[in-house]
C-alpha atoms as a PDB file:
ATOM      1  CA  MET A   1      16.810  -4.872 -11.169  1.00  0.00           C
ATOM      2  CA  SER A   2      15.090  -3.254 -14.105  1.00  0.00           C
ATOM      3  CA  LEU A   3      11.781  -1.643 -14.922  1.00  0.00           C
ATOM      4  CA  ASN A   4       8.724  -3.710 -15.774  1.00  0.00           C
ATOM      5  CA  PRO A   5       8.455  -3.908 -19.597  1.00  0.00           C
ATOM      6  CA  ASN A   6       4.649  -4.320 -19.361  1.00  0.00           C
ATOM      7  CA  TYR A   7       4.169  -0.693 -18.248  1.00  0.00           C
ATOM      8  CA  ALA A   8       5.115   2.662 -19.706  1.00  0.00           C
ATOM      9  CA  ALA A   9       8.580   3.914 -18.766  1.00  0.00           C
ATOM     10  CA  VAL A  10       8.765   7.657 -18.064  1.00  0.00           C
ATOM     11  CA  SER A  11      11.306  10.159 -16.757  1.00  0.00           C
ATOM     12  CA  GLY A  12      11.749  13.879 -16.220  1.00  0.00           C
ATOM     13  CA  HIS A  13       8.822  16.320 -16.267  1.00  0.00           C
ATOM     14  CA  GLN A  14       5.427  14.620 -15.894  1.00  0.00           C
ATOM     15  CA  GLN A  15       2.205  16.611 -16.282  1.00  0.00           C
ATOM     16  CA  ALA A  16       0.159  14.514 -13.866  1.00  0.00           C
ATOM     17  CA  THR A  17      -3.052  16.559 -14.129  1.00  0.00           C
ATOM     18  CA  SER A  18      -4.051  19.843 -15.731  1.00  0.00           C
ATOM     19  CA  ARG A  19      -2.823  21.643 -12.576  1.00  0.00           C
ATOM     20  CA  TRP A  20      -0.065  19.456 -11.109  1.00  0.00           C
ATOM     21  CA  ALA A  21       3.278  18.266 -12.427  1.00  0.00           C
ATOM     22  CA  ILE A  22       6.290  16.460 -10.979  1.00  0.00           C
ATOM     23  CA  THR A  23       9.822  15.802 -12.132  1.00  0.00           C
ATOM     24  CA  LEU A  24      11.158  12.261 -11.876  1.00  0.00           C
ATOM     25  CA  PRO A  25      14.888  11.720 -11.284  1.00  0.00           C
ATOM     26  CA  GLY A  26      15.513   8.889 -13.706  1.00  0.00           C
ATOM     27  CA  GLN A  27      13.355   6.161 -15.232  1.00  0.00           C
ATOM     28  CA  PHE A  28      10.142   4.965 -13.567  1.00  0.00           C
ATOM     29  CA  ASN A  29       7.245   2.782 -14.634  1.00  0.00           C
ATOM     30  CA  ARG A  30       3.850   4.518 -14.636  1.00  0.00           C
ATOM     31  CA  ARG A  31       0.298   3.311 -14.235  1.00  0.00           C
ATOM     32  CA  GLU A  32      -3.068   4.839 -13.352  1.00  0.00           C
ATOM     33  CA  GLU A  33      -5.320   3.366 -10.684  1.00  0.00           C
ATOM     34  CA  ASP A  34      -8.358   4.556  -8.750  1.00  0.00           C
ATOM     35  CA  ALA A  35      -6.007   5.507  -5.911  1.00  0.00           C
ATOM     36  CA  GLY A  36      -4.100   7.871  -8.232  1.00  0.00           C
ATOM     37  CA  LEU A  37      -1.023   7.806 -10.405  1.00  0.00           C
ATOM     38  CA  CYS A  38       1.672   5.324  -9.481  1.00  0.00           C
ATOM     39  CA  TYR A  39       5.312   5.759 -10.501  1.00  0.00           C
ATOM     40  CA  TRP A  40       7.755   3.053  -9.452  1.00  0.00           C
ATOM     41  CA  ARG A  41      11.157   1.567  -9.950  1.00  0.00           C
ATOM     42  CA  PRO A  42      12.990  -1.032  -7.903  1.00  0.00           C
ATOM     43  CA  GLY A  43      13.370   0.375  -4.383  1.00  0.00           C
ATOM     44  CA  LEU A  44      10.973   3.341  -4.704  1.00  0.00           C
ATOM     45  CA  THR A  45       7.228   3.659  -5.269  1.00  0.00           C
ATOM     46  CA  LEU A  46       5.420   7.006  -5.614  1.00  0.00           C
ATOM     47  CA  TRP A  47       1.660   7.549  -5.393  1.00  0.00           C
ATOM     48  CA  LEU A  48       0.271  10.901  -6.525  1.00  0.00           C
ATOM     49  CA  LYS A  49      -3.322  11.957  -5.953  1.00  0.00           C
ATOM     50  CA  ALA A  50      -4.605  15.378  -6.997  1.00  0.00           C
ATOM     51  CA  TYR A  51      -7.837  16.992  -5.862  1.00  0.00           C
ATOM     52  CA  GLY A  52      -9.767  20.167  -6.444  1.00  0.00           C
ATOM     53  CA  THR A  53     -10.342  22.503  -3.542  1.00  0.00           C
ATOM     54  CA  GLU A  54     -12.943  22.132  -0.883  1.00  0.00           C
ATOM     55  CA  ASP A  55     -15.493  24.926  -1.206  1.00  0.00           C
ATOM     56  CA  GLY A  56     -14.615  27.810   1.058  1.00  0.00           C
ATOM     57  CA  VAL A  57     -11.508  26.169   2.575  1.00  0.00           C
ATOM     58  CA  SER A  58      -8.446  28.382   2.220  1.00  0.00           C
ATOM     59  CA  VAL A  59      -4.897  27.172   1.609  1.00  0.00           C
ATOM     60  CA  GLU A  60      -4.070  28.205   5.190  1.00  0.00           C
ATOM     61  CA  ASP A  61      -6.963  26.158   6.600  1.00  0.00           C
ATOM     62  CA  ARG A  62      -5.979  23.125   4.535  1.00  0.00           C
ATOM     63  CA  MET A  63      -2.418  23.417   5.851  1.00  0.00           C
ATOM     64  CA  LEU A  64      -3.736  23.655   9.427  1.00  0.00           C
ATOM     65  CA  ARG A  65      -5.725  20.465   8.862  1.00  0.00           C
ATOM     66  CA  ASP A  66      -2.695  18.653   7.424  1.00  0.00           C
ATOM     67  CA  ARG A  67      -0.507  19.774  10.355  1.00  0.00           C
ATOM     68  CA  ALA A  68      -3.110  18.451  12.809  1.00  0.00           C
ATOM     69  CA  ASN A  69      -3.096  15.048  11.053  1.00  0.00           C
ATOM     70  CA  VAL A  70       0.668  14.454  11.150  1.00  0.00           C
ATOM     71  CA  PRO A  71       1.246  11.200  13.095  1.00  0.00           C
ATOM     72  CA  SER A  72       3.109  11.526  16.392  1.00  0.00           C
ATOM     73  CA  ALA A  73       5.771   9.086  15.102  1.00  0.00           C
ATOM     74  CA  ALA A  74       6.559  11.330  12.102  1.00  0.00           C
ATOM     75  CA  THR A  75      10.052  12.769  11.728  1.00  0.00           C
ATOM     76  CA  ASP A  76      11.720  15.354   9.487  1.00  0.00           C
ATOM     77  CA  ILE A  77       8.601  17.526   9.341  1.00  0.00           C
ATOM     78  CA  THR A  78       9.086  20.414   6.929  1.00  0.00           C
ATOM     79  CA  GLU A  79       6.912  23.236   5.653  1.00  0.00           C
ATOM     80  CA  SER A  80       7.490  25.725   2.875  1.00  0.00           C
ATOM     81  CA  VAL A  81       5.735  28.190   0.608  1.00  0.00           C
ATOM     82  CA  GLU A  82       7.185  28.694  -2.853  1.00  0.00           C
ATOM     83  CA  GLY A  83       5.871  29.370  -6.331  1.00  0.00           C
ATOM     84  CA  GLY A  84       2.261  29.603  -5.187  1.00  0.00           C
ATOM     85  CA  VAL A  85       2.442  26.218  -3.454  1.00  0.00           C
ATOM     86  CA  SER A  86       2.230  25.642   0.308  1.00  0.00           C
ATOM     87  CA  ARG A  87       3.839  22.340   1.303  1.00  0.00           C
ATOM     88  CA  LEU A  88       4.011  20.053   4.303  1.00  0.00           C
ATOM     89  CA  SER A  89       6.024  16.833   4.338  1.00  0.00           C
ATOM     90  CA  TYR A  90       7.206  14.288   6.863  1.00  0.00           C
ATOM     91  CA  ARG A  91       8.886  10.903   7.106  1.00  0.00           C
ATOM     92  CA  LEU A  92       7.266   7.883   8.676  1.00  0.00           C
ATOM     93  CA  SER A  93       8.590   4.327   8.921  1.00  0.00           C
ATOM     94  CA  GLU A  94       5.847   1.742   8.614  1.00  0.00           C
ATOM     95  CA  THR A  95       5.776  -2.031   8.974  1.00  0.00           C
ATOM     96  CA  ARG A  96       3.927  -3.876   6.224  1.00  0.00           C
ATOM     97  CA  ALA A  97       1.826  -6.975   6.893  1.00  0.00           C
ATOM     98  CA  ASP A  98       4.804  -9.153   5.865  1.00  0.00           C
ATOM     99  CA  GLY A  99       6.988  -7.532   8.546  1.00  0.00           C
ATOM    100  CA  VAL A 100       9.118  -5.456   6.161  1.00  0.00           C
ATOM    101  CA  VAL A 101       9.758  -1.888   7.321  1.00  0.00           C
ATOM    102  CA  VAL A 102       9.120   0.671   4.593  1.00  0.00           C
ATOM    103  CA  LYS A 103      10.417   4.244   4.734  1.00  0.00           C
ATOM    104  CA  GLY A 104       7.591   6.622   3.861  1.00  0.00           C
ATOM    105  CA  LEU A 105       7.743  10.262   2.850  1.00  0.00           C
ATOM    106  CA  TYR A 106       4.364  11.989   2.793  1.00  0.00           C
ATOM    107  CA  SER A 107       3.938  15.341   1.083  1.00  0.00           C
ATOM    108  CA  PHE A 108       0.918  17.610   0.884  1.00  0.00           C
ATOM    109  CA  ALA A 109       0.875  20.513  -1.564  1.00  0.00           C
ATOM    110  CA  HIS A 110      -1.779  23.199  -1.804  1.00  0.00           C
ATOM    111  CA  GLY A 111      -2.415  25.737  -4.529  1.00  0.00           C
ATOM    112  CA  GLU A 112      -5.227  28.239  -4.657  1.00  0.00           C
ATOM    113  CA  ALA A 113      -7.529  26.002  -6.734  1.00  0.00           C
ATOM    114  CA  GLY A 114      -6.156  22.527  -6.051  1.00  0.00           C
ATOM    115  CA  GLN A 115      -4.219  20.218  -3.791  1.00  0.00           C
ATOM    116  CA  ALA A 116      -2.075  17.127  -4.208  1.00  0.00           C
ATOM    117  CA  MET A 117      -0.751  14.374  -1.981  1.00  0.00           C
ATOM    118  CA  LEU A 118       2.409  12.419  -2.754  1.00  0.00           C
ATOM    119  CA  ALA A 119       3.201   9.254  -0.828  1.00  0.00           C
ATOM    120  CA  ALA A 120       6.682   7.862  -1.468  1.00  0.00           C
ATOM    121  CA  TYR A 121       7.740   4.447  -0.174  1.00  0.00           C
ATOM    122  CA  ALA A 122      11.422   3.566  -0.183  1.00  0.00           C
ATOM    123  CA  ASP A 123      12.858   0.147   0.563  1.00  0.00           C
ATOM    124  CA  ASP A 124      15.802   1.786   2.310  1.00  0.00           C
ATOM    125  CA  ASP A 125      17.320   5.177   3.085  1.00  0.00           C
ATOM    126  CA  SER A 126      19.274   5.243  -0.178  1.00  0.00           C
ATOM    127  CA  GLU A 127      16.093   6.127  -2.117  1.00  0.00           C
ATOM    128  CA  LEU A 128      14.843   8.821   0.269  1.00  0.00           C
ATOM    129  CA  GLU A 129      16.786  11.576  -1.479  1.00  0.00           C
ATOM    130  CA  ALA A 130      15.076  10.709  -4.775  1.00  0.00           C
ATOM    131  CA  ALA A 131      11.717  10.803  -2.948  1.00  0.00           C
ATOM    132  CA  ARG A 132      12.563  14.246  -1.545  1.00  0.00           C
ATOM    133  CA  LEU A 133      13.503  15.519  -5.018  1.00  0.00           C
ATOM    134  CA  VAL A 134      10.161  14.403  -6.430  1.00  0.00           C
ATOM    135  CA  SER A 135       8.310  15.915  -3.472  1.00  0.00           C
ATOM    136  CA  ALA A 136      10.089  19.247  -3.934  1.00  0.00           C
ATOM    137  CA  SER A 137       9.347  19.168  -7.670  1.00  0.00           C
ATOM    138  CA  LEU A 138       5.553  19.147  -7.231  1.00  0.00           C
ATOM    139  CA  SER A 139       4.488  22.210  -9.176  1.00  0.00           C
ATOM    140  CA  TYR A 140       1.118  23.891  -9.486  1.00  0.00           C
ATOM    141  CA  ILE A 141      -0.266  25.602 -12.569  1.00  0.00           C
ATOM    142  CA  ALA A 142      -2.797  28.283 -11.690  1.00  0.00           C
END
């Protein structure tokens, strides 16, 4: 399967906002919607939403909130702090309305003056490594 010729094709470093960037492993289509930026290719869809900070809420408090909201069915929960970014991610398998099970990887990244959420949906486990690479590539520009 190939990319959709009706949308921009992008790869590599993507400056998603003035503060957040990701690196895509290979070619993806890209579009903007109210829900955020969408990058997709056959088998993998990525949604990226960036926010400012909430007044008076520290990075540590935002991480505490994200930890508290991790679903009980989540697996592969990881946390890290690197390059001025605190991260939390987890996997979650979800069943769509049509009965298809989608493998989700949810990632939350917090910088001092901004935060981003990446939701990656893979058709099967073969695309989860690409989703992890994109998640790990989320970078913050102070």
